[in-house]
Amino acid sequence: MSRCSLCVAALDHCHGTLIEHLDLAVECTEPDCTDHAYPRHPLIADCADILGGCACDPRGTEFLEIHVEVMEAEAASTASGLVG
């Protein structure tokens, strides 16, 4: 297993991805991250890029609502096939 070059260089960084929301709030995918400074995060993503979208991005919630409806319809179809 190769070691992280930033760890080897003893540079302050985070292995998580910084997620930026429409209101410019940020959060990190690393649960223990407490410093959300951009320079500490080599990976930065827009919340709309996250699978399923984000509640703060209308495009994301539309996709999520459609996905949930499809999943519910498939589950109902499977359940009705098992009952008969």
N, C-alpha and C. Protein backbone atom coordinates (compact mmCIF):
# COMPACT_ATOMS: atom_id res chain seq x y z
N MET A 1 0.85 -1.18 0.00
CA MET A 1 0.00 0.00 0.00
C MET A 1 0.90 1.24 0.00
N SER A 2 0.64 2.15 -0.92
CA SER A 2 1.45 3.37 -0.97
C SER A 2 0.96 4.36 0.08
N ARG A 3 1.89 5.15 0.54
CA ARG A 3 1.55 6.15 1.56
C ARG A 3 1.20 7.47 0.88
N CYS A 4 0.35 8.21 1.54
CA CYS A 4 -0.05 9.52 1.05
C CYS A 4 1.17 10.45 1.06
N SER A 5 1.43 11.10 -0.07
CA SER A 5 2.60 11.98 -0.17
C SER A 5 2.47 13.18 0.77
N LEU A 6 1.25 13.64 1.02
CA LEU A 6 1.06 14.76 1.95
C LEU A 6 1.33 14.33 3.39
N CYS A 7 0.97 13.08 3.71
CA CYS A 7 1.28 12.54 5.04
C CYS A 7 2.80 12.39 5.20
N VAL A 8 3.45 11.85 4.18
CA VAL A 8 4.91 11.66 4.22
C VAL A 8 5.61 13.00 4.41
N ALA A 9 5.10 14.05 3.76
CA ALA A 9 5.70 15.38 3.87
C ALA A 9 5.27 16.11 5.14
N ALA A 10 4.44 15.46 5.95
CA ALA A 10 3.94 16.03 7.21
C ALA A 10 3.20 17.36 6.99
N LEU A 11 2.46 17.44 5.87
CA LEU A 11 1.68 18.64 5.58
C LEU A 11 0.27 18.48 6.14
N ASP A 12 -0.28 19.57 6.67
CA ASP A 12 -1.62 19.56 7.22
C ASP A 12 -2.63 19.41 6.08
N HIS A 13 -3.40 18.33 6.11
CA HIS A 13 -4.37 18.08 5.05
C HIS A 13 -5.45 17.13 5.56
N CYS A 14 -6.46 16.93 4.73
CA CYS A 14 -7.56 16.03 5.07
C CYS A 14 -7.76 15.05 3.91
N HIS A 15 -8.08 13.81 4.22
CA HIS A 15 -8.33 12.81 3.19
C HIS A 15 -9.78 12.79 2.71
N GLY A 16 -10.62 13.60 3.33
CA GLY A 16 -12.03 13.67 2.93
C GLY A 16 -12.22 14.61 1.75
N THR A 17 -13.44 14.63 1.24
CA THR A 17 -13.82 15.54 0.16
C THR A 17 -14.63 16.68 0.75
N LEU A 18 -14.25 17.89 0.41
CA LEU A 18 -14.99 19.06 0.88
C LEU A 18 -16.17 19.28 -0.06
N ILE A 19 -17.38 19.33 0.51
CA ILE A 19 -18.59 19.53 -0.27
C ILE A 19 -19.05 20.97 -0.08
N GLU A 20 -19.20 21.70 -1.20
CA GLU A 20 -19.64 23.09 -1.14
C GLU A 20 -21.10 23.18 -1.57
N HIS A 21 -21.92 23.83 -0.73
CA HIS A 21 -23.34 23.98 -0.99
C HIS A 21 -23.64 25.31 -1.67
N LEU A 22 -24.86 25.46 -2.18
CA LEU A 22 -25.25 26.68 -2.89
C LEU A 22 -25.14 27.93 -2.03
N ASP A 23 -25.37 27.77 -0.71
CA ASP A 23 -25.27 28.93 0.19
C ASP A 23 -23.83 29.17 0.65
N LEU A 24 -22.88 28.46 0.01
CA LEU A 24 -21.44 28.53 0.28
C LEU A 24 -21.04 27.86 1.59
N ALA A 25 -21.96 27.21 2.26
CA ALA A 25 -21.60 26.40 3.43
C ALA A 25 -20.80 25.20 2.93
N VAL A 26 -19.89 24.72 3.74
CA VAL A 26 -19.09 23.56 3.36
C VAL A 26 -19.16 22.49 4.45
N GLU A 27 -19.00 21.25 4.02
CA GLU A 27 -18.89 20.14 4.95
C GLU A 27 -17.90 19.15 4.36
N CYS A 28 -17.35 18.31 5.21
CA CYS A 28 -16.35 17.35 4.78
C CYS A 28 -16.90 15.94 4.94
N THR A 29 -16.51 15.05 4.03
CA THR A 29 -16.96 13.66 4.11
C THR A 29 -16.21 12.89 5.18
N GLU A 30 -15.13 13.43 5.68
CA GLU A 30 -14.36 12.79 6.75
C GLU A 30 -15.00 13.17 8.08
N PRO A 31 -15.55 12.19 8.81
CA PRO A 31 -16.29 12.51 10.05
C PRO A 31 -15.49 13.27 11.11
N ASP A 32 -14.19 13.03 11.19
CA ASP A 32 -13.38 13.67 12.22
C ASP A 32 -12.79 15.02 11.80
N CYS A 33 -13.08 15.48 10.60
CA CYS A 33 -12.54 16.74 10.11
C CYS A 33 -13.22 17.91 10.81
N THR A 34 -12.42 18.78 11.40
CA THR A 34 -12.96 19.96 12.08
C THR A 34 -12.53 21.26 11.42
N ASP A 35 -11.56 21.20 10.51
CA ASP A 35 -11.07 22.40 9.82
C ASP A 35 -11.45 22.29 8.35
N HIS A 36 -12.46 23.04 7.94
CA HIS A 36 -12.96 22.96 6.57
C HIS A 36 -12.30 23.94 5.62
N ALA A 37 -11.07 24.30 5.88
CA ALA A 37 -10.34 25.22 5.01
C ALA A 37 -10.05 24.55 3.67
N TYR A 38 -10.21 25.31 2.60
CA TYR A 38 -10.00 24.77 1.26
C TYR A 38 -8.59 24.21 1.04
N PRO A 39 -7.53 24.89 1.49
CA PRO A 39 -6.19 24.36 1.24
C PRO A 39 -5.93 22.98 1.85
N ARG A 40 -6.67 22.60 2.86
CA ARG A 40 -6.48 21.30 3.51
C ARG A 40 -7.13 20.16 2.72
N HIS A 41 -7.95 20.49 1.74
CA HIS A 41 -8.73 19.48 1.03
C HIS A 41 -8.36 19.44 -0.46
N PRO A 42 -7.60 18.44 -0.88
CA PRO A 42 -7.27 18.32 -2.30
C PRO A 42 -8.49 18.02 -3.16
N LEU A 43 -9.53 17.44 -2.55
CA LEU A 43 -10.74 17.11 -3.29
C LEU A 43 -11.90 18.01 -2.84
N ILE A 44 -12.48 18.75 -3.80
CA ILE A 44 -13.60 19.65 -3.51
C ILE A 44 -14.68 19.37 -4.55
N ALA A 45 -15.92 19.24 -4.09
CA ALA A 45 -17.03 18.95 -5.00
C ALA A 45 -18.21 19.86 -4.71
N ASP A 46 -18.98 20.15 -5.74
CA ASP A 46 -20.23 20.88 -5.60
C ASP A 46 -21.28 19.89 -5.11
N CYS A 47 -22.18 20.31 -4.23
CA CYS A 47 -23.17 19.39 -3.68
C CYS A 47 -24.06 18.78 -4.76
N ALA A 48 -24.24 19.47 -5.89
CA ALA A 48 -25.06 18.93 -6.99
C ALA A 48 -24.38 17.74 -7.65
N ASP A 49 -23.07 17.58 -7.44
CA ASP A 49 -22.33 16.46 -8.03
C ASP A 49 -22.49 15.17 -7.24
N ILE A 50 -23.05 15.25 -6.06
CA ILE A 50 -23.20 14.09 -5.20
C ILE A 50 -24.35 13.22 -5.71
N LEU A 51 -24.15 11.91 -5.76
CA LEU A 51 -25.20 10.99 -6.20
C LEU A 51 -26.46 11.21 -5.39
N GLY A 52 -27.56 11.45 -6.05
CA GLY A 52 -28.81 11.72 -5.36
C GLY A 52 -29.05 13.19 -5.12
N GLY A 53 -28.03 14.00 -5.38
CA GLY A 53 -28.17 15.44 -5.22
C GLY A 53 -28.17 15.88 -3.77
N CYS A 54 -28.57 17.10 -3.57
CA CYS A 54 -28.56 17.72 -2.25
C CYS A 54 -29.87 18.49 -2.07
N ALA A 55 -30.34 18.55 -0.85
CA ALA A 55 -31.59 19.26 -0.57
C ALA A 55 -31.51 20.74 -0.90
N CYS A 56 -30.31 21.32 -0.89
CA CYS A 56 -30.19 22.75 -1.18
C CYS A 56 -30.16 23.04 -2.68
N ASP A 57 -30.08 21.99 -3.51
CA ASP A 57 -30.04 22.16 -4.96
C ASP A 57 -31.32 21.58 -5.56
N PRO A 58 -32.19 22.40 -6.12
CA PRO A 58 -33.46 21.91 -6.66
C PRO A 58 -33.29 20.78 -7.68
N ARG A 59 -32.22 20.82 -8.47
CA ARG A 59 -31.99 19.74 -9.43
C ARG A 59 -31.78 18.42 -8.71
N GLY A 60 -31.08 18.48 -7.58
CA GLY A 60 -30.81 17.26 -6.82
C GLY A 60 -32.05 16.68 -6.19
N THR A 61 -32.91 17.52 -5.64
CA THR A 61 -34.11 17.00 -4.98
C THR A 61 -35.08 16.43 -6.00
N GLU A 62 -35.16 17.02 -7.21
CA GLU A 62 -36.02 16.46 -8.25
C GLU A 62 -35.57 15.06 -8.60
N PHE A 63 -34.28 14.89 -8.80
CA PHE A 63 -33.74 13.58 -9.14
C PHE A 63 -34.01 12.59 -8.01
N LEU A 64 -33.80 13.02 -6.78
CA LEU A 64 -34.00 12.15 -5.63
C LEU A 64 -35.46 11.74 -5.51
N GLU A 65 -36.39 12.68 -5.71
CA GLU A 65 -37.81 12.36 -5.63
C GLU A 65 -38.20 11.34 -6.70
N ILE A 66 -37.71 11.51 -7.92
CA ILE A 66 -38.01 10.56 -9.00
C ILE A 66 -37.43 9.20 -8.66
N HIS A 67 -36.20 9.16 -8.17
CA HIS A 67 -35.54 7.91 -7.81
C HIS A 67 -36.34 7.18 -6.73
N VAL A 68 -36.79 7.89 -5.71
CA VAL A 68 -37.57 7.29 -4.63
C VAL A 68 -38.89 6.74 -5.17
N GLU A 69 -39.55 7.50 -6.04
CA GLU A 69 -40.81 7.03 -6.63
C GLU A 69 -40.60 5.74 -7.42
N VAL A 70 -39.54 5.67 -8.20
CA VAL A 70 -39.24 4.47 -8.98
C VAL A 70 -38.96 3.29 -8.05
N MET A 71 -38.17 3.52 -7.02
CA MET A 71 -37.85 2.45 -6.07
C MET A 71 -39.11 1.95 -5.36
N GLU A 72 -39.99 2.86 -4.97
CA GLU A 72 -41.24 2.47 -4.31
C GLU A 72 -42.13 1.67 -5.26
N ALA A 73 -42.21 2.08 -6.52
CA ALA A 73 -43.01 1.36 -7.51
C ALA A 73 -42.46 -0.04 -7.74
N GLU A 74 -41.13 -0.17 -7.82
CA GLU A 74 -40.52 -1.48 -8.00
C GLU A 74 -40.77 -2.37 -6.80
N ALA A 75 -40.68 -1.81 -5.60
CA ALA A 75 -40.92 -2.58 -4.38
C ALA A 75 -42.37 -3.05 -4.32
N ALA A 76 -43.31 -2.18 -4.68
CA ALA A 76 -44.73 -2.54 -4.67
C ALA A 76 -45.00 -3.63 -5.70
N SER A 77 -44.38 -3.53 -6.86
CA SER A 77 -44.56 -4.53 -7.91
C SER A 77 -44.03 -5.88 -7.46
N THR A 78 -42.88 -5.88 -6.83
CA THR A 78 -42.28 -7.12 -6.33
C THR A 78 -43.15 -7.72 -5.23
N ALA A 79 -43.63 -6.88 -4.32
CA ALA A 79 -44.46 -7.35 -3.21
C ALA A 79 -45.77 -7.94 -3.73
N SER A 80 -46.39 -7.31 -4.72
CA SER A 80 -47.66 -7.83 -5.25
C SER A 80 -47.45 -9.15 -5.97
N GLY A 81 -46.29 -9.33 -6.57
CA GLY A 81 -45.97 -10.60 -7.23
C GLY A 81 -45.75 -11.72 -6.24
N LEU A 82 -45.29 -11.39 -5.03
CA LEU A 82 -45.04 -12.39 -4.00
C LEU A 82 -46.32 -12.80 -3.29
N VAL A 83 -47.30 -11.89 -3.22
CA VAL A 83 -48.54 -12.16 -2.49
C VAL A 83 -49.39 -13.18 -3.24
N GLY A 84 -49.50 -13.08 -4.56
CA GLY A 84 -50.38 -13.91 -5.37
C GLY A 84 -49.87 -15.28 -5.50
